[in-house]
Amino acid sequence: MEIELTHLTHLVQIQPTHATSLFSILTIHRSHFSPWLPFVNELRDIEQTEKFIRESQVLWESKKDFSFAILEKGQARGVISAKNLNWIEKSTELGYWLDPSLQNSGIMTLAVNRLVEFLTVEFQFQTFWIKCAEDNLPSQRVALKAGFEQVGVEKRDIGKVQAVFLKFQLKKESLE
């Protein structure tokens, strides 16, 4: 499974061969990612990334989540996932992160658009969600540039603090 973004950039089903690159990016840029991806603070060894990839593959096979590595020039540089696939309501939540050196290049917006297109055409999904921390302005910009609109706010207890997430939604017409 491969989705072309540009001639140099592709989405592919996440594989164990992506673990080294993804682990390296997350640990080198820990302070950048930790406000938005709490698991990064607990990431200590590559085995944790390998475990995530194995679990992602099981979720893919059971059609619960589709996780893709974002490859640039063949190198894994980020992840985008369609999480909690709801096959009855044809809805899913998208989550993503990208190597900071590639941010602000339009890659993530393109990845979101292509993943939405893939799920709409191949599986007739119609409703897409993105939930971003209220301080995560880059992720919010991706959602807005990809055509999502803010539809609400969600509060979550994370540890001893309550975090506020903005909810974005995109609705597509059925292709049936």
N, C-alpha and C. Protein backbone atom coordinates (compact mmCIF):
# COMPACT_ATOMS: atom_id res chain seq x y z
N MET A 1 0.85 -1.17 0.00
CA MET A 1 0.00 0.00 0.00
C MET A 1 0.89 1.24 0.00
N GLU A 2 0.76 2.05 -1.02
CA GLU A 2 1.54 3.28 -1.13
C GLU A 2 0.66 4.38 -1.72
N ILE A 3 0.73 5.56 -1.12
CA ILE A 3 0.01 6.74 -1.60
C ILE A 3 1.05 7.81 -1.91
N GLU A 4 1.10 8.23 -3.16
CA GLU A 4 2.08 9.25 -3.55
C GLU A 4 1.60 10.63 -3.14
N LEU A 5 2.49 11.38 -2.51
CA LEU A 5 2.22 12.79 -2.18
C LEU A 5 2.89 13.68 -3.22
N THR A 6 4.18 13.43 -3.43
CA THR A 6 4.96 14.09 -4.49
C THR A 6 5.86 13.00 -5.07
N HIS A 7 6.65 13.34 -6.06
CA HIS A 7 7.54 12.32 -6.62
C HIS A 7 8.60 11.87 -5.59
N LEU A 8 8.82 12.64 -4.54
CA LEU A 8 9.81 12.27 -3.52
C LEU A 8 9.18 11.83 -2.19
N THR A 9 7.88 12.04 -2.03
CA THR A 9 7.24 11.83 -0.74
C THR A 9 6.03 10.91 -0.90
N HIS A 10 5.96 9.89 -0.01
CA HIS A 10 4.91 8.88 -0.10
C HIS A 10 4.42 8.50 1.29
N LEU A 11 3.20 7.98 1.34
CA LEU A 11 2.68 7.32 2.53
C LEU A 11 2.73 5.83 2.27
N VAL A 12 3.28 5.08 3.22
CA VAL A 12 3.30 3.62 3.12
C VAL A 12 2.90 3.05 4.48
N GLN A 13 2.30 1.86 4.44
CA GLN A 13 1.96 1.21 5.71
C GLN A 13 3.21 1.13 6.57
N ILE A 14 3.09 1.53 7.83
CA ILE A 14 4.24 1.55 8.72
C ILE A 14 4.81 0.14 8.88
N GLN A 15 6.15 0.05 8.84
CA GLN A 15 6.86 -1.23 8.85
C GLN A 15 7.98 -1.20 9.89
N PRO A 16 8.44 -2.37 10.35
CA PRO A 16 9.56 -2.42 11.30
C PRO A 16 10.81 -1.71 10.79
N THR A 17 11.01 -1.68 9.48
CA THR A 17 12.20 -1.01 8.93
C THR A 17 12.17 0.50 9.16
N HIS A 18 11.02 1.06 9.56
CA HIS A 18 10.92 2.50 9.82
C HIS A 18 11.28 2.86 11.26
N ALA A 19 11.44 1.86 12.12
CA ALA A 19 11.62 2.10 13.56
C ALA A 19 12.83 2.97 13.87
N THR A 20 13.97 2.68 13.28
CA THR A 20 15.19 3.41 13.60
C THR A 20 15.05 4.89 13.30
N SER A 21 14.56 5.20 12.12
CA SER A 21 14.40 6.60 11.73
C SER A 21 13.39 7.32 12.60
N LEU A 22 12.24 6.71 12.84
CA LEU A 22 11.19 7.35 13.63
C LEU A 22 11.65 7.55 15.08
N PHE A 23 12.29 6.54 15.66
CA PHE A 23 12.81 6.65 17.02
C PHE A 23 13.82 7.78 17.11
N SER A 24 14.71 7.85 16.14
CA SER A 24 15.74 8.90 16.13
C SER A 24 15.12 10.30 16.09
N ILE A 25 14.16 10.50 15.21
CA ILE A 25 13.51 11.81 15.09
C ILE A 25 12.83 12.19 16.41
N LEU A 26 12.09 11.26 16.99
CA LEU A 26 11.35 11.56 18.22
C LEU A 26 12.28 11.85 19.39
N THR A 27 13.40 11.15 19.48
CA THR A 27 14.29 11.37 20.62
C THR A 27 15.17 12.61 20.42
N ILE A 28 15.63 12.85 19.21
CA ILE A 28 16.43 14.05 18.95
C ILE A 28 15.60 15.31 19.18
N HIS A 29 14.33 15.25 18.81
CA HIS A 29 13.44 16.41 18.91
C HIS A 29 12.42 16.25 20.04
N ARG A 30 12.83 15.56 21.09
CA ARG A 30 11.93 15.28 22.23
C ARG A 30 11.26 16.55 22.76
N SER A 31 12.02 17.61 22.96
CA SER A 31 11.44 18.83 23.54
C SER A 31 10.42 19.47 22.59
N HIS A 32 10.62 19.30 21.29
CA HIS A 32 9.67 19.83 20.31
C HIS A 32 8.34 19.07 20.36
N PHE A 33 8.43 17.73 20.45
CA PHE A 33 7.23 16.90 20.38
C PHE A 33 6.51 16.70 21.72
N SER A 34 7.24 16.76 22.83
CA SER A 34 6.65 16.37 24.12
C SER A 34 5.40 17.16 24.52
N PRO A 35 5.26 18.44 24.18
CA PRO A 35 3.99 19.10 24.56
C PRO A 35 2.77 18.51 23.87
N TRP A 36 2.94 17.90 22.70
CA TRP A 36 1.80 17.42 21.91
C TRP A 36 1.70 15.91 21.92
N LEU A 37 2.82 15.23 22.12
CA LEU A 37 2.84 13.77 22.11
C LEU A 37 3.41 13.29 23.45
N PRO A 38 2.57 13.14 24.46
CA PRO A 38 3.06 12.82 25.80
C PRO A 38 3.91 11.55 25.88
N PHE A 39 3.68 10.58 24.99
CA PHE A 39 4.45 9.33 25.02
C PHE A 39 5.93 9.56 24.75
N VAL A 40 6.27 10.68 24.13
CA VAL A 40 7.67 10.95 23.77
C VAL A 40 8.54 11.05 25.02
N ASN A 41 8.00 11.58 26.11
CA ASN A 41 8.79 11.69 27.35
C ASN A 41 9.15 10.33 27.93
N GLU A 42 8.35 9.30 27.60
CA GLU A 42 8.60 7.95 28.11
C GLU A 42 9.41 7.10 27.13
N LEU A 43 9.69 7.62 25.97
CA LEU A 43 10.39 6.87 24.93
C LEU A 43 11.88 6.77 25.26
N ARG A 44 12.33 5.57 25.58
CA ARG A 44 13.72 5.39 26.01
C ARG A 44 14.56 4.51 25.09
N ASP A 45 13.91 3.56 24.40
CA ASP A 45 14.69 2.68 23.54
C ASP A 45 13.89 2.31 22.29
N ILE A 46 14.61 1.87 21.29
CA ILE A 46 14.00 1.58 20.00
C ILE A 46 12.96 0.47 20.08
N GLU A 47 13.10 -0.42 21.07
CA GLU A 47 12.12 -1.51 21.22
C GLU A 47 10.71 -0.97 21.43
N GLN A 48 10.58 0.19 22.06
CA GLN A 48 9.25 0.78 22.25
C GLN A 48 8.65 1.19 20.90
N THR A 49 9.48 1.75 20.04
CA THR A 49 9.01 2.13 18.70
C THR A 49 8.67 0.89 17.90
N GLU A 50 9.50 -0.13 17.99
CA GLU A 50 9.22 -1.38 17.29
C GLU A 50 7.91 -2.00 17.77
N LYS A 51 7.65 -1.93 19.08
CA LYS A 51 6.40 -2.45 19.64
C LYS A 51 5.21 -1.67 19.08
N PHE A 52 5.31 -0.34 19.04
CA PHE A 52 4.25 0.49 18.47
C PHE A 52 3.96 0.06 17.03
N ILE A 53 5.00 -0.17 16.26
CA ILE A 53 4.83 -0.56 14.86
C ILE A 53 4.15 -1.92 14.76
N ARG A 54 4.57 -2.88 15.58
CA ARG A 54 3.91 -4.20 15.57
C ARG A 54 2.44 -4.08 15.94
N GLU A 55 2.14 -3.27 16.96
CA GLU A 55 0.75 -3.07 17.36
C GLU A 55 -0.04 -2.38 16.25
N SER A 56 0.59 -1.44 15.57
CA SER A 56 -0.06 -0.75 14.45
C SER A 56 -0.39 -1.72 13.32
N GLN A 57 0.50 -2.67 13.08
CA GLN A 57 0.25 -3.65 12.03
C GLN A 57 -0.92 -4.56 12.39
N VAL A 58 -1.05 -4.94 13.66
CA VAL A 58 -2.18 -5.75 14.12
C VAL A 58 -3.47 -4.96 13.96
N LEU A 59 -3.46 -3.67 14.34
CA LEU A 59 -4.64 -2.83 14.20
C LEU A 59 -5.02 -2.65 12.73
N TRP A 60 -4.01 -2.58 11.86
CA TRP A 60 -4.26 -2.47 10.41
C TRP A 60 -4.98 -3.73 9.93
N GLU A 61 -4.43 -4.88 10.30
CA GLU A 61 -5.02 -6.16 9.85
C GLU A 61 -6.45 -6.33 10.34
N SER A 62 -6.74 -5.81 11.53
CA SER A 62 -8.11 -5.92 12.07
C SER A 62 -8.98 -4.74 11.64
N LYS A 63 -8.42 -3.88 10.78
CA LYS A 63 -9.13 -2.71 10.24
C LYS A 63 -9.66 -1.78 11.31
N LYS A 64 -8.86 -1.60 12.38
CA LYS A 64 -9.22 -0.67 13.45
C LYS A 64 -8.51 0.67 13.28
N ASP A 65 -7.28 0.64 12.85
CA ASP A 65 -6.47 1.84 12.59
C ASP A 65 -5.63 1.58 11.36
N PHE A 66 -5.37 2.63 10.59
CA PHE A 66 -4.41 2.55 9.48
C PHE A 66 -3.31 3.55 9.78
N SER A 67 -2.10 3.06 10.05
CA SER A 67 -0.96 3.95 10.32
C SER A 67 0.02 3.88 9.16
N PHE A 68 0.39 5.06 8.69
CA PHE A 68 1.31 5.20 7.57
C PHE A 68 2.58 5.91 8.02
N ALA A 69 3.71 5.46 7.51
CA ALA A 69 4.94 6.24 7.63
C ALA A 69 4.93 7.26 6.50
N ILE A 70 5.41 8.44 6.78
CA ILE A 70 5.58 9.46 5.74
C ILE A 70 7.03 9.36 5.31
N LEU A 71 7.22 8.90 4.07
CA LEU A 71 8.57 8.72 3.54
C LEU A 71 8.94 9.90 2.66
N GLU A 72 10.13 10.43 2.90
CA GLU A 72 10.68 11.43 1.99
C GLU A 72 12.00 10.88 1.50
N LYS A 73 12.12 10.75 0.18
CA LYS A 73 13.31 10.14 -0.44
C LYS A 73 13.59 8.77 0.18
N GLY A 74 12.52 8.01 0.46
CA GLY A 74 12.65 6.65 0.97
C GLY A 74 12.90 6.54 2.46
N GLN A 75 13.04 7.66 3.16
CA GLN A 75 13.34 7.66 4.59
C GLN A 75 12.09 8.04 5.39
N ALA A 76 11.78 7.26 6.44
CA ALA A 76 10.62 7.58 7.28
C ALA A 76 10.89 8.87 8.03
N ARG A 77 9.98 9.84 7.87
CA ARG A 77 10.17 11.17 8.48
C ARG A 77 9.00 11.60 9.35
N GLY A 78 7.97 10.76 9.44
CA GLY A 78 6.82 11.08 10.27
C GLY A 78 5.77 9.99 10.17
N VAL A 79 4.64 10.22 10.82
CA VAL A 79 3.55 9.24 10.85
C VAL A 79 2.23 9.98 10.70
N ILE A 80 1.31 9.37 9.97
CA ILE A 80 -0.08 9.82 9.93
C ILE A 80 -0.96 8.58 10.07
N SER A 81 -1.98 8.71 10.91
CA SER A 81 -2.85 7.57 11.18
C SER A 81 -4.32 7.94 11.08
N ALA A 82 -5.10 7.01 10.59
CA ALA A 82 -6.55 7.06 10.69
C ALA A 82 -6.88 6.15 11.86
N LYS A 83 -7.30 6.75 12.97
CA LYS A 83 -7.49 6.02 14.22
C LYS A 83 -8.96 5.76 14.48
N ASN A 84 -9.22 4.69 15.22
CA ASN A 84 -10.60 4.36 15.62
C ASN A 84 -11.54 4.37 14.42
N LEU A 85 -11.17 3.60 13.40
CA LEU A 85 -12.00 3.53 12.19
C LEU A 85 -13.40 3.02 12.56
N ASN A 86 -14.41 3.82 12.26
CA ASN A 86 -15.80 3.44 12.54
C ASN A 86 -16.44 3.06 11.20
N TRP A 87 -16.53 1.77 10.96
CA TRP A 87 -17.01 1.27 9.67
C TRP A 87 -18.52 1.43 9.50
N ILE A 88 -19.24 1.61 10.60
CA ILE A 88 -20.69 1.80 10.51
C ILE A 88 -21.00 3.26 10.17
N GLU A 89 -20.41 4.17 10.92
CA GLU A 89 -20.66 5.60 10.68
C GLU A 89 -19.75 6.18 9.60
N LYS A 90 -18.77 5.37 9.14
CA LYS A 90 -17.82 5.81 8.12
C LYS A 90 -17.10 7.08 8.57
N SER A 91 -16.54 7.00 9.79
CA SER A 91 -15.82 8.14 10.35
C SER A 91 -14.52 7.69 10.99
N THR A 92 -13.58 8.62 11.12
CA THR A 92 -12.29 8.32 11.73
C THR A 92 -11.65 9.61 12.21
N GLU A 93 -10.72 9.46 13.15
CA GLU A 93 -9.91 10.58 13.62
C GLU A 93 -8.51 10.44 13.05
N LEU A 94 -7.97 11.53 12.56
CA LEU A 94 -6.61 11.54 12.02
C LEU A 94 -5.65 12.09 13.06
N GLY A 95 -4.50 11.47 13.15
CA GLY A 95 -3.42 11.95 14.02
C GLY A 95 -2.14 11.94 13.22
N TYR A 96 -1.21 12.85 13.54
CA TYR A 96 -0.01 12.96 12.73
C TYR A 96 1.12 13.68 13.46
N TRP A 97 2.33 13.40 13.02
CA TRP A 97 3.51 14.16 13.42
C TRP A 97 4.54 14.06 12.31
N LEU A 98 5.44 15.05 12.25
CA LEU A 98 6.41 15.13 11.17
C LEU A 98 7.72 15.70 11.69
N ASP A 99 8.82 15.20 11.15
CA ASP A 99 10.15 15.72 11.46
C ASP A 99 10.12 17.25 11.38
N PRO A 100 10.58 17.94 12.43
CA PRO A 100 10.53 19.41 12.41
C PRO A 100 11.22 20.05 11.20
N SER A 101 12.23 19.39 10.64
CA SER A 101 12.91 19.98 9.48
C SER A 101 12.03 20.01 8.23
N LEU A 102 10.94 19.24 8.23
CA LEU A 102 10.01 19.23 7.09
C LEU A 102 8.73 20.01 7.35
N GLN A 103 8.57 20.49 8.57
CA GLN A 103 7.36 21.22 8.89
C GLN A 103 7.32 22.53 8.12
N ASN A 104 6.12 23.03 7.90
CA ASN A 104 5.88 24.26 7.14
C ASN A 104 6.23 24.13 5.66
N SER A 105 6.25 22.89 5.17
CA SER A 105 6.56 22.66 3.76
C SER A 105 5.31 22.24 2.97
N GLY A 106 4.20 22.05 3.66
CA GLY A 106 2.97 21.60 3.02
C GLY A 106 2.81 20.09 2.96
N ILE A 107 3.83 19.36 3.39
CA ILE A 107 3.78 17.89 3.33
C ILE A 107 2.64 17.34 4.16
N MET A 108 2.47 17.83 5.38
CA MET A 108 1.44 17.25 6.24
C MET A 108 0.05 17.57 5.73
N THR A 109 -0.17 18.78 5.24
CA THR A 109 -1.48 19.10 4.67
C THR A 109 -1.78 18.19 3.49
N LEU A 110 -0.78 17.97 2.65
CA LEU A 110 -0.94 17.07 1.51
C LEU A 110 -1.21 15.64 1.99
N ALA A 111 -0.50 15.21 3.03
CA ALA A 111 -0.73 13.86 3.57
C ALA A 111 -2.16 13.71 4.10
N VAL A 112 -2.64 14.72 4.81
CA VAL A 112 -4.02 14.68 5.32
C VAL A 112 -5.00 14.60 4.15
N ASN A 113 -4.80 15.46 3.15
CA ASN A 113 -5.70 15.47 1.99
C ASN A 113 -5.71 14.13 1.27
N ARG A 114 -4.53 13.54 1.05
CA ARG A 114 -4.45 12.27 0.33
C ARG A 114 -5.05 11.12 1.14
N LEU A 115 -4.84 11.14 2.46
CA LEU A 115 -5.40 10.08 3.29
C LEU A 115 -6.93 10.18 3.30
N VAL A 116 -7.46 11.40 3.41
CA VAL A 116 -8.91 11.59 3.34
C VAL A 116 -9.44 11.09 1.99
N GLU A 117 -8.75 11.45 0.91
CA GLU A 117 -9.16 11.01 -0.43
C GLU A 117 -9.15 9.49 -0.53
N PHE A 118 -8.11 8.85 -0.03
CA PHE A 118 -7.99 7.40 -0.05
C PHE A 118 -9.16 6.75 0.70
N LEU A 119 -9.43 7.21 1.92
CA LEU A 119 -10.50 6.62 2.72
C LEU A 119 -11.88 6.88 2.14
N THR A 120 -12.04 8.03 1.48
CA THR A 120 -13.32 8.36 0.85
C THR A 120 -13.55 7.48 -0.38
N VAL A 121 -12.55 7.37 -1.23
CA VAL A 121 -12.69 6.62 -2.48
C VAL A 121 -12.73 5.10 -2.22
N GLU A 122 -11.80 4.62 -1.42
CA GLU A 122 -11.69 3.17 -1.23
C GLU A 122 -12.73 2.59 -0.28
N PHE A 123 -13.14 3.35 0.74
CA PHE A 123 -14.00 2.79 1.78
C PHE A 123 -15.25 3.64 2.06
N GLN A 124 -15.46 4.69 1.28
CA GLN A 124 -16.64 5.54 1.41
C GLN A 124 -16.76 6.21 2.79
N PHE A 125 -15.61 6.49 3.42
CA PHE A 125 -15.66 7.25 4.68
C PHE A 125 -16.13 8.66 4.37
N GLN A 126 -16.88 9.24 5.32
CA GLN A 126 -17.49 10.55 5.09
C GLN A 126 -17.14 11.59 6.14
N THR A 127 -16.81 11.19 7.34
CA THR A 127 -16.55 12.15 8.40
C THR A 127 -15.16 11.92 8.98
N PHE A 128 -14.40 13.01 9.05
CA PHE A 128 -13.03 12.97 9.51
C PHE A 128 -12.85 13.99 10.64
N TRP A 129 -12.11 13.58 11.65
CA TRP A 129 -11.88 14.43 12.82
C TRP A 129 -10.38 14.64 13.00
N ILE A 130 -10.00 15.79 13.47
CA ILE A 130 -8.65 16.07 13.95
C ILE A 130 -8.83 16.78 15.28
N LYS A 131 -8.13 16.32 16.30
CA LYS A 131 -8.17 16.96 17.61
C LYS A 131 -6.76 17.41 17.96
N CYS A 132 -6.60 18.71 18.20
CA CYS A 132 -5.29 19.29 18.47
C CYS A 132 -5.32 20.02 19.80
N ALA A 133 -4.22 19.95 20.52
CA ALA A 133 -4.10 20.75 21.73
C ALA A 133 -4.29 22.21 21.36
N GLU A 134 -4.94 22.97 22.24
CA GLU A 134 -5.25 24.36 21.90
C GLU A 134 -4.01 25.21 21.65
N ASP A 135 -2.86 24.79 22.16
CA ASP A 135 -1.62 25.53 21.94
C ASP A 135 -0.85 25.04 20.72
N ASN A 136 -1.31 23.97 20.08
CA ASN A 136 -0.59 23.40 18.95
C ASN A 136 -1.03 24.08 17.65
N LEU A 137 -0.54 25.28 17.46
CA LEU A 137 -0.93 26.08 16.30
C LEU A 137 -0.54 25.44 14.97
N PRO A 138 0.65 24.82 14.85
CA PRO A 138 0.98 24.18 13.57
C PRO A 138 -0.02 23.08 13.17
N SER A 139 -0.45 22.27 14.13
CA SER A 139 -1.41 21.21 13.82
C SER A 139 -2.77 21.81 13.45
N GLN A 140 -3.15 22.87 14.11
CA GLN A 140 -4.40 23.55 13.76
C GLN A 140 -4.34 24.11 12.35
N ARG A 141 -3.19 24.67 11.96
CA ARG A 141 -3.05 25.21 10.60
C ARG A 141 -3.19 24.10 9.56
N VAL A 142 -2.62 22.92 9.85
CA VAL A 142 -2.78 21.78 8.94
C VAL A 142 -4.25 21.46 8.76
N ALA A 143 -4.98 21.36 9.86
CA ALA A 143 -6.41 21.02 9.79
C ALA A 143 -7.15 22.05 8.94
N LEU A 144 -6.92 23.32 9.18
CA LEU A 144 -7.62 24.37 8.45
C LEU A 144 -7.24 24.38 6.97
N LYS A 145 -5.95 24.23 6.67
CA LYS A 145 -5.51 24.21 5.27
C LYS A 145 -6.04 23.01 4.52
N ALA A 146 -6.31 21.91 5.25
CA ALA A 146 -6.85 20.70 4.62
C ALA A 146 -8.37 20.77 4.48
N GLY A 147 -8.97 21.89 4.86
CA GLY A 147 -10.40 22.07 4.66
C GLY A 147 -11.28 21.72 5.84
N PHE A 148 -10.68 21.38 6.98
CA PHE A 148 -11.45 21.07 8.18
C PHE A 148 -11.94 22.38 8.80
N GLU A 149 -13.03 22.28 9.56
CA GLU A 149 -13.49 23.46 10.29
C GLU A 149 -13.59 23.12 11.76
N GLN A 150 -13.28 24.12 12.59
CA GLN A 150 -13.37 23.90 14.02
C GLN A 150 -14.83 23.80 14.43
N VAL A 151 -15.16 22.73 15.16
CA VAL A 151 -16.55 22.49 15.53
C VAL A 151 -16.75 22.38 17.05
N GLY A 152 -15.69 22.46 17.81
CA GLY A 152 -15.88 22.35 19.25
C GLY A 152 -14.58 22.28 20.01
N VAL A 153 -14.74 22.05 21.31
CA VAL A 153 -13.63 21.96 22.24
C VAL A 153 -13.85 20.71 23.08
N GLU A 154 -12.76 20.03 23.40
CA GLU A 154 -12.84 18.82 24.22
C GLU A 154 -11.83 18.98 25.35
N LYS A 155 -12.24 18.68 26.57
CA LYS A 155 -11.34 18.72 27.71
C LYS A 155 -10.99 17.30 28.11
N ARG A 156 -9.70 17.08 28.36
CA ARG A 156 -9.23 15.75 28.75
C ARG A 156 -8.35 15.87 29.98
N ASP A 157 -8.46 14.89 30.87
CA ASP A 157 -7.56 14.82 32.00
C ASP A 157 -6.33 14.04 31.56
N ILE A 158 -5.19 14.71 31.62
CA ILE A 158 -3.91 14.07 31.29
C ILE A 158 -3.06 14.17 32.54
N GLY A 159 -2.96 13.04 33.23
CA GLY A 159 -2.27 13.07 34.51
C GLY A 159 -3.08 13.91 35.48
N LYS A 160 -2.42 14.90 36.06
CA LYS A 160 -3.09 15.75 37.05
C LYS A 160 -3.57 17.07 36.46
N VAL A 161 -3.41 17.24 35.16
CA VAL A 161 -3.84 18.49 34.52
C VAL A 161 -4.95 18.21 33.51
N GLN A 162 -5.73 19.24 33.29
CA GLN A 162 -6.77 19.13 32.27
C GLN A 162 -6.28 19.86 31.02
N ALA A 163 -6.28 19.15 29.91
CA ALA A 163 -5.84 19.72 28.65
C ALA A 163 -7.07 20.04 27.80
N VAL A 164 -6.93 21.09 27.00
CA VAL A 164 -8.01 21.51 26.12
C VAL A 164 -7.60 21.21 24.68
N PHE A 165 -8.48 20.52 23.97
CA PHE A 165 -8.23 20.17 22.57
C PHE A 165 -9.31 20.81 21.71
N LEU A 166 -8.89 21.34 20.57
CA LEU A 166 -9.83 21.87 19.60
C LEU A 166 -10.23 20.73 18.67
N LYS A 167 -11.52 20.63 18.37
CA LYS A 167 -12.03 19.58 17.49
C LYS A 167 -12.31 20.17 16.11
N PHE A 168 -11.73 19.54 15.11
CA PHE A 168 -11.94 19.94 13.72
C PHE A 168 -12.64 18.80 13.00
N GLN A 169 -13.51 19.14 12.06
CA GLN A 169 -14.26 18.13 11.32
C GLN A 169 -14.26 18.46 9.83
N LEU A 170 -14.24 17.39 9.03
CA LEU A 170 -14.40 17.50 7.59
C LEU A 170 -15.45 16.47 7.19
N LYS A 171 -16.44 16.90 6.45
CA LYS A 171 -17.47 15.98 5.95
C LYS A 171 -17.34 15.89 4.44
N LYS A 172 -17.38 14.67 3.93
CA LYS A 172 -17.33 14.41 2.50
C LYS A 172 -18.64 13.78 2.08
N GLU A 173 -19.00 14.02 0.84
CA GLU A 173 -20.21 13.39 0.30
C GLU A 173 -19.92 11.94 -0.05
N SER A 174 -20.91 11.11 0.12
CA SER A 174 -20.80 9.70 -0.25
C SER A 174 -20.58 9.58 -1.76
N LEU A 175 -19.70 8.67 -2.13
CA LEU A 175 -19.41 8.44 -3.56
C LEU A 175 -20.23 7.29 -4.11
N GLU A 176 -21.12 6.73 -3.30
CA GLU A 176 -21.92 5.59 -3.76
C GLU A 176 -23.00 6.03 -4.70
